[in-house]
Each structure stands twice: as C-alpha cells, then as structure tokens.
C-alpha cells in the first residue's frame, strides 16, 4: 500500500480518512495530542508537527508518496507561509502526487457569471490572496519537482454542524433579492469523496471546481435552511444597509462576491458522482443529521 500523508486533519480529512485507510497506509500531521488521538482512532498514524514551525516538519519527507493538503493559511498576510514550509519539508523526497484544497474565493467577484477553471484568478480579499499564493507556489513546485500537483477549488461547505443555524436564531439579516449574490455549495461528505478521487485521478497542473450543481442566491440558501430547520426566515435588507453595518464584516465579505461555479471538469476527469447533487437534497439530510 502506498503511503499517504494528510496535512490539515480537520473535519474533511477525518470524514475521508476511514475510506482512505482502506487503500493507503495513512499518516496525519498532528499539532496537538487531542488531534493525534482523533487521527489514531480512525486507523491512521499521527505525526507530530506544526506547519508554523518548519523545524518540526523534518519527518514528513519520509512519510508520503501521496499528500492531501487541507491546511488553511495563517490568518494574516497575502502569502501562505504554511504551504511554503510544507514544500520545503517535502523537497528532499517529493511525493508522487499532491492534492491541495483551495477556495473558490481565488476568482473574486465575477458579477454572477458562470465560472470554469480557466477563468483568471482575481482574489479580492487577503483570505483569497493567500489561497492564490498557495496555488501558484504548489503548482510551480510540482512542475519543478516532478510531483503531480492538482487543486480543488472549494466553495461553501455544509453539513449538520456547518449550517447557519446560529445566524437564523438571532435573526441576522441577508440581502434582498435584487442586491443578493450567487453562492456555491458542497456537502462535506461529497468533498471528502472528491478528495479521494483527486488523489487517484487528478491531473498535473490541473484545477477543479469542487462544487455541487446548485445555482442559487445566498438569501435563498438561508431561507431553505430556515424552512427545513423550522426557524423563521431571515429579514431582507438593502446592500446600503448591509454596508452601513447591519451585517457583520466577516459575512459581508462573502456577500461582495457573486459567481456560479461550473463543475463539468470535476465530473468528467475525476469521475465524481455527487451523493447530494444540490442543497435541496443535502440540506434536509444535514438538518436531520
């Protein structure tokens, strides 16, 4: 069995791990003892290390023929130093393949246009800029080292514990329809399955929009969740009111970007068959969960 290293052992990695452990000898980078315990409980070998501490990463070069990189960048700056530190640790013995989990935020605002993977990157936030930097660094390193590097561009992830129930319960507003933005979604279980397929079939230098088939605006998504959860629908407000402070900046930053991701490449090249093709199937399952 080939050796697979998972970097960034959060929710998606832990969902994917039981499936991956059937096909690979899996190890996972663990920053804490609690994280190491969760990794071991799912049948993988924890490796102590911290992407913010390069000296701790020396064991990684012998741990991987394949790498699944789900670790987010740090919260500040426009560069992803964590990915740079990972590249340096893997450089003495590059893996055969590395799959990087990025974000659809690298496209920036597209004015509601339908977006495929050939659209130039134009991140509008520091968060998106850090992800774009990681993509460029990892893809360039793949070319130089001979490792097959591919990128999954992921939109809003949802699952039972990832629904906007807290916002709905406190009556947080969303944009009125004429000011609203298109948003994109993927169920966490589908994303875990996509990661596994990308490790097997992802092509060198290739990016894939890892999104479902939904095409809807953000307010409609909140309405759907509210209806299924038996909560009041959120109030609708103008963009001017939102920009004046009625919506928290963290959420508002997502309301400044509108795009409709296309997923034909993901389906054709990775062979993805979505368990939850749209949020209309996935949200009821998540609420029930």
Protein backbone atom coordinates (compact mmCIF):
# COMPACT_ATOMS: atom_id res chain seq x y z
CA UNK A 1 0.00 0.00 0.00
CA UNK A 2 1.21 3.47 -0.83
CA UNK A 3 1.92 5.92 1.96
CA UNK A 4 -0.50 8.86 2.16
CA UNK A 5 0.16 11.93 4.30
CA UNK A 6 -2.77 14.14 5.28
CA UNK A 7 -1.86 17.70 6.22
CA UNK A 8 -4.67 19.63 7.87
CA UNK A 9 -6.59 16.95 9.77
CA UNK A 10 -9.83 18.84 10.32
CA UNK A 11 -13.42 17.85 9.57
CA UNK A 12 -12.99 16.97 5.87
CA UNK A 13 -9.84 14.92 6.44
CA UNK A 14 -11.45 12.99 9.27
CA UNK A 15 -14.51 12.27 7.10
CA UNK A 16 -12.26 10.99 4.30
CA UNK A 17 -9.86 9.05 6.50
CA UNK A 18 -11.83 5.81 7.01
CA UNK A 19 -12.22 5.40 3.23
CA UNK A 20 -8.60 6.34 2.55
CA UNK A 21 -7.30 3.95 5.20
CA UNK A 22 -8.71 1.05 3.18
CA UNK A 23 -6.49 1.94 0.21
CA UNK A 24 -3.43 3.61 1.71
CA UNK A 25 -1.08 3.50 4.64
CA UNK A 26 -2.24 6.82 6.10
CA UNK A 27 -0.45 9.22 8.41
CA UNK A 28 -1.67 12.62 9.53
CA UNK A 29 0.15 15.72 10.71
CA UNK A 30 -0.98 16.50 14.26
CA UNK A 31 -0.38 19.79 16.08
CA UNK A 32 -1.85 18.63 19.40
CA UNK A 33 -2.22 15.45 21.41
CA UNK A 34 -6.01 15.63 21.04
CA UNK A 35 -5.71 15.79 17.26
CA UNK A 36 -3.25 12.89 17.31
CA UNK A 37 -5.79 10.85 19.25
CA UNK A 38 -8.54 11.52 16.71
CA UNK A 39 -6.23 10.52 13.86
CA UNK A 40 -5.18 7.29 15.58
CA UNK A 41 -8.78 6.41 16.43
CA UNK A 42 -9.61 6.39 12.71
CA UNK A 43 -6.81 3.99 11.85
CA UNK A 44 -4.03 6.37 10.81
CA UNK A 45 -0.61 7.14 12.23
CA UNK A 46 -0.23 10.61 13.78
CA UNK A 47 2.98 12.52 13.08
CA UNK A 48 3.72 15.37 15.47
CA UNK A 49 4.45 18.66 13.70
CA UNK A 50 3.33 22.21 13.10
CA UNK A 51 3.30 23.99 9.73
CA UNK A 52 4.19 27.21 11.53
CA UNK A 53 7.37 25.61 12.91
CA UNK A 54 9.49 24.40 9.96
CA UNK A 55 11.98 22.55 12.17
CA UNK A 56 9.17 20.23 13.32
CA UNK A 57 8.41 19.06 9.78
CA UNK A 58 11.56 17.05 9.04
CA UNK A 59 9.81 13.65 9.44
CA UNK A 60 7.40 14.45 6.62
CA UNK A 61 9.82 13.83 3.76
CA UNK A 62 9.84 10.11 4.57
CA UNK A 63 6.10 9.87 5.28
CA UNK A 64 4.50 10.37 1.92
CA UNK A 65 4.19 9.03 -1.58
CA UNK A 66 0.90 10.92 -1.79
CA UNK A 67 -0.13 14.11 0.05
CA UNK A 68 -3.59 15.53 0.75
CA UNK A 69 -3.06 19.15 1.79
CA UNK A 70 -6.09 20.65 3.52
CA UNK A 71 -4.34 23.04 5.91
CA UNK A 72 -5.55 26.64 5.67
CA UNK A 73 -3.12 29.55 5.53
CA UNK A 74 -2.49 31.68 8.60
CA UNK A 75 -4.94 34.49 9.28
CA UNK A 76 -2.67 37.38 8.24
CA UNK A 77 -0.69 38.49 5.19
CA UNK A 78 -1.04 37.77 1.48
CA UNK A 79 1.35 34.80 1.35
CA UNK A 80 0.75 31.25 2.55
CA UNK A 81 3.90 30.52 4.53
CA UNK A 82 2.46 27.22 5.73
CA UNK A 83 2.41 25.82 2.19
CA UNK A 84 5.91 27.17 1.63
CA UNK A 85 7.08 25.35 4.78
CA UNK A 86 5.42 22.14 3.60
CA UNK A 87 7.12 22.37 0.20
CA UNK A 88 10.50 22.82 1.90
CA UNK A 89 9.88 19.78 4.13
CA UNK A 90 8.88 17.58 1.18
CA UNK A 91 11.65 18.79 -1.14
CA UNK A 92 14.29 16.15 -0.23
CA UNK A 93 11.91 13.39 -1.34
CA UNK A 94 8.99 14.81 -3.37
CA UNK A 95 5.78 12.77 -3.35
CA UNK A 96 4.30 11.28 -6.49
CA UNK A 97 1.14 13.36 -6.12
CA UNK A 98 -0.18 16.23 -4.01
CA UNK A 99 -3.80 17.42 -3.88
CA UNK A 100 -4.35 20.92 -2.49
CA UNK A 101 -7.70 22.10 -1.16
CA UNK A 102 -8.11 25.75 -2.15
CA UNK A 103 -11.14 28.05 -2.24
CA UNK A 104 -13.39 29.46 -4.95
CA UNK A 105 -12.56 32.84 -3.42
CA UNK A 106 -9.48 32.94 -5.67
CA UNK A 107 -11.80 34.01 -8.51
CA UNK A 108 -13.03 37.13 -6.70
CA UNK A 109 -16.28 38.77 -7.71
CA UNK A 110 -17.49 37.56 -11.10
CA UNK A 111 -20.73 39.53 -11.20
CA UNK A 112 -22.84 36.37 -11.11
CA UNK A 113 -21.18 34.90 -14.20
CA UNK A 114 -20.76 31.15 -14.70
CA UNK A 115 -17.14 30.34 -13.93
CA UNK A 116 -14.97 27.46 -15.09
CA UNK A 117 -11.40 26.71 -14.04
CA UNK A 118 -9.82 28.65 -16.92
CA UNK A 119 -11.01 31.99 -15.55
CA UNK A 120 -8.03 34.10 -14.39
CA UNK A 121 -7.59 34.37 -10.64
CA UNK A 122 -8.55 37.75 -9.19
CA UNK A 123 -8.90 37.44 -5.41
CA UNK A 124 -10.39 40.49 -3.70
CA UNK A 125 -9.64 39.62 -0.10
CA UNK A 126 -6.44 38.83 1.76
CA UNK A 127 -8.00 35.44 2.50
CA UNK A 128 -8.36 34.75 -1.22
CA UNK A 129 -4.91 36.16 -1.99
CA UNK A 130 -3.29 33.73 0.44
CA UNK A 131 -5.01 30.81 -1.27
CA UNK A 132 -3.99 32.04 -4.72
CA UNK A 133 -0.39 32.33 -3.49
CA UNK A 134 -0.53 28.74 -2.23
CA UNK A 135 -1.89 27.52 -5.58
CA UNK A 136 0.86 29.28 -7.53
CA UNK A 137 3.62 28.05 -5.22
CA UNK A 138 2.44 24.45 -5.15
CA UNK A 139 1.81 24.22 -8.89
CA UNK A 140 5.22 25.73 -9.67
CA UNK A 141 6.87 23.32 -7.24
CA UNK A 142 5.06 20.43 -8.89
CA UNK A 143 6.49 21.37 -12.28
CA UNK A 144 9.98 21.77 -10.85
CA UNK A 145 9.98 18.61 -8.72
CA UNK A 146 8.01 16.28 -10.98
CA UNK A 147 5.24 15.79 -8.41
CA UNK A 148 1.72 15.68 -9.84
CA UNK A 149 0.02 18.65 -8.15
CA UNK A 150 -3.67 19.41 -8.61
CA UNK A 151 -6.01 21.87 -6.92
CA UNK A 152 -9.61 21.59 -5.72
CA UNK A 153 -11.34 24.99 -5.56
CA UNK A 154 -13.98 24.61 -2.88
CA UNK A 155 -16.99 26.88 -2.19
CA UNK A 156 -19.17 26.92 0.94
CA UNK A 157 -19.03 23.59 2.75
CA UNK A 158 -22.13 22.47 4.62
CA UNK A 159 -23.09 19.57 6.87
CA UNK A 160 -25.09 19.05 10.05
CA UNK A 161 -22.63 21.11 12.10
CA UNK A 162 -21.96 23.64 9.32
CA UNK A 163 -25.42 25.16 8.83
CA UNK A 164 -26.13 28.86 9.58
CA UNK A 165 -28.50 28.00 12.42
CA UNK A 166 -26.98 30.45 14.90
CA UNK A 167 -27.43 33.36 12.47
CA UNK A 168 -31.01 32.33 11.81
CA UNK A 169 -31.84 32.02 15.50
CA UNK A 170 -30.61 35.52 16.24
CA UNK A 171 -32.45 36.96 13.24
CA UNK A 172 -29.36 38.11 11.34
CA UNK A 173 -30.41 39.73 8.04
CA UNK A 174 -29.44 38.82 4.49
CA UNK A 175 -29.58 40.83 1.28
CA UNK A 176 -32.81 41.46 -0.56
CA UNK A 177 -33.15 39.56 -3.84
CA UNK A 178 -32.20 42.46 -6.13
CA UNK A 179 -28.95 43.04 -4.19
CA UNK A 180 -28.14 39.40 -3.48
CA UNK A 181 -25.21 37.34 -4.77
CA UNK A 182 -24.95 33.86 -6.24
CA UNK A 183 -23.28 31.42 -3.89
CA UNK A 184 -21.99 27.88 -4.32
CA UNK A 185 -22.05 24.81 -2.10
CA UNK A 186 -20.69 21.33 -1.48
CA UNK A 187 -21.70 18.83 1.20
CA UNK A 188 -18.80 17.84 3.46
CA UNK A 189 -19.28 14.14 2.69
CA UNK A 190 -19.16 14.80 -1.06
CA UNK A 191 -16.00 16.88 -0.64
CA UNK A 192 -14.34 14.05 1.28
CA UNK A 193 -15.17 11.69 -1.60
CA UNK A 194 -13.86 14.20 -4.16
CA UNK A 195 -10.56 14.38 -2.27
CA UNK A 196 -10.19 10.61 -2.53
CA UNK A 197 -10.87 10.66 -6.27
CA UNK A 198 -8.42 13.52 -6.84
CA UNK A 199 -5.68 11.51 -5.13
CA UNK A 200 -6.27 8.78 -7.71
CA UNK A 201 -7.12 10.75 -10.87
CA UNK A 202 -6.19 14.42 -10.54
CA UNK A 203 -4.01 15.61 -13.43
CA UNK A 204 -0.77 17.55 -13.09
CA UNK A 205 -1.24 21.31 -13.02
CA UNK A 206 -5.00 20.97 -13.13
CA UNK A 207 -7.62 22.82 -11.06
CA UNK A 208 -11.13 21.52 -10.41
CA UNK A 209 -14.18 23.38 -9.11
CA UNK A 210 -15.30 21.06 -6.29
CA UNK A 211 -18.90 22.22 -6.19
CA UNK A 212 -22.35 20.71 -6.47
CA UNK A 213 -24.99 21.51 -9.11
CA UNK A 214 -26.86 24.14 -7.09
CA UNK A 215 -27.46 27.53 -8.66
CA UNK A 216 -28.97 29.87 -6.10
CA UNK A 217 -28.52 33.14 -4.28
CA UNK A 218 -27.32 33.35 -0.70
CA UNK A 219 -30.59 34.56 0.77
CA UNK A 220 -32.45 31.67 -0.83
CA UNK A 221 -29.99 29.26 0.77
CA UNK A 222 -30.65 30.80 4.19
CA UNK A 223 -34.41 30.54 3.52
CA UNK A 224 -34.04 26.86 2.63
CA UNK A 225 -32.13 26.09 5.82
CA UNK A 226 -34.64 28.06 7.89
CA UNK A 227 -37.60 26.24 6.37
CA UNK A 228 -36.07 22.81 6.88
CA UNK A 229 -34.98 23.60 10.44
CA UNK A 230 -38.33 25.10 11.42
CA UNK A 231 -36.88 28.57 12.01
CA UNK A 232 -38.06 31.99 10.82
CA UNK A 233 -36.65 33.12 7.51
CA UNK A 234 -34.08 35.91 7.88
CA UNK A 235 -35.11 39.53 7.26
CA UNK A 236 -34.01 41.01 3.92
CA UNK A 237 -32.22 44.35 3.75
CA UNK A 238 -30.65 46.58 1.11
CA UNK A 239 -26.97 46.45 0.27
CA UNK A 240 -26.64 50.02 1.52
CA UNK A 241 -27.94 48.97 4.94
CA UNK A 242 -25.62 45.97 4.96
CA UNK A 243 -22.58 48.10 4.13
CA UNK A 244 -23.62 50.56 6.84
CA UNK A 245 -23.08 47.88 9.47
CA UNK A 246 -26.30 45.83 9.59
CA UNK A 247 -24.33 42.71 8.55
CA UNK A 248 -21.06 41.71 10.22
CA UNK A 249 -17.96 42.26 8.09
CA UNK A 250 -16.98 38.59 8.06
CA UNK A 251 -20.24 37.55 6.41
CA UNK A 252 -20.49 40.71 4.35
CA UNK A 253 -17.17 39.95 2.63
CA UNK A 254 -18.82 36.87 1.09
CA UNK A 255 -21.80 38.99 0.02
CA UNK A 256 -19.50 41.15 -2.13
CA UNK A 257 -18.65 38.24 -4.45
CA UNK A 258 -21.08 36.59 -6.85
CA UNK A 259 -20.34 33.66 -9.14
CA UNK A 260 -21.84 30.41 -10.39
CA UNK A 261 -19.21 27.67 -10.47
CA UNK A 262 -19.24 25.07 -13.23
CA UNK A 263 -18.24 21.52 -12.29
CA UNK A 264 -18.10 19.69 -15.63
CA UNK A 265 -14.33 19.16 -15.42
CA UNK A 266 -14.62 17.62 -11.96
CA UNK A 267 -17.24 15.15 -13.15
CA UNK A 268 -15.53 14.27 -16.43
CA UNK A 269 -11.93 13.96 -15.24
CA UNK A 270 -12.33 12.78 -11.65
CA UNK A 271 -15.46 10.70 -12.21
CA UNK A 272 -17.34 12.38 -9.38
CA UNK A 273 -20.92 11.27 -8.72
CA UNK A 274 -22.40 13.52 -6.08
CA UNK A 275 -24.32 11.97 -3.22
CA UNK A 276 -26.06 15.33 -2.76
CA UNK A 277 -26.32 16.92 -6.23
CA UNK A 278 -27.86 20.11 -4.84
CA UNK A 279 -28.59 21.69 -1.48
CA UNK A 280 -32.22 20.66 -1.95
CA UNK A 281 -31.11 17.07 -1.26
CA UNK A 282 -28.24 17.87 1.08
CA UNK A 283 -29.75 20.41 3.47
CA UNK A 284 -32.65 18.15 4.59
CA UNK A 285 -30.12 15.37 5.25
CA UNK A 286 -27.87 17.79 7.16
CA UNK A 287 -30.76 19.11 9.27
CA UNK A 288 -31.85 15.56 10.06
CA UNK A 289 -28.28 14.72 10.99
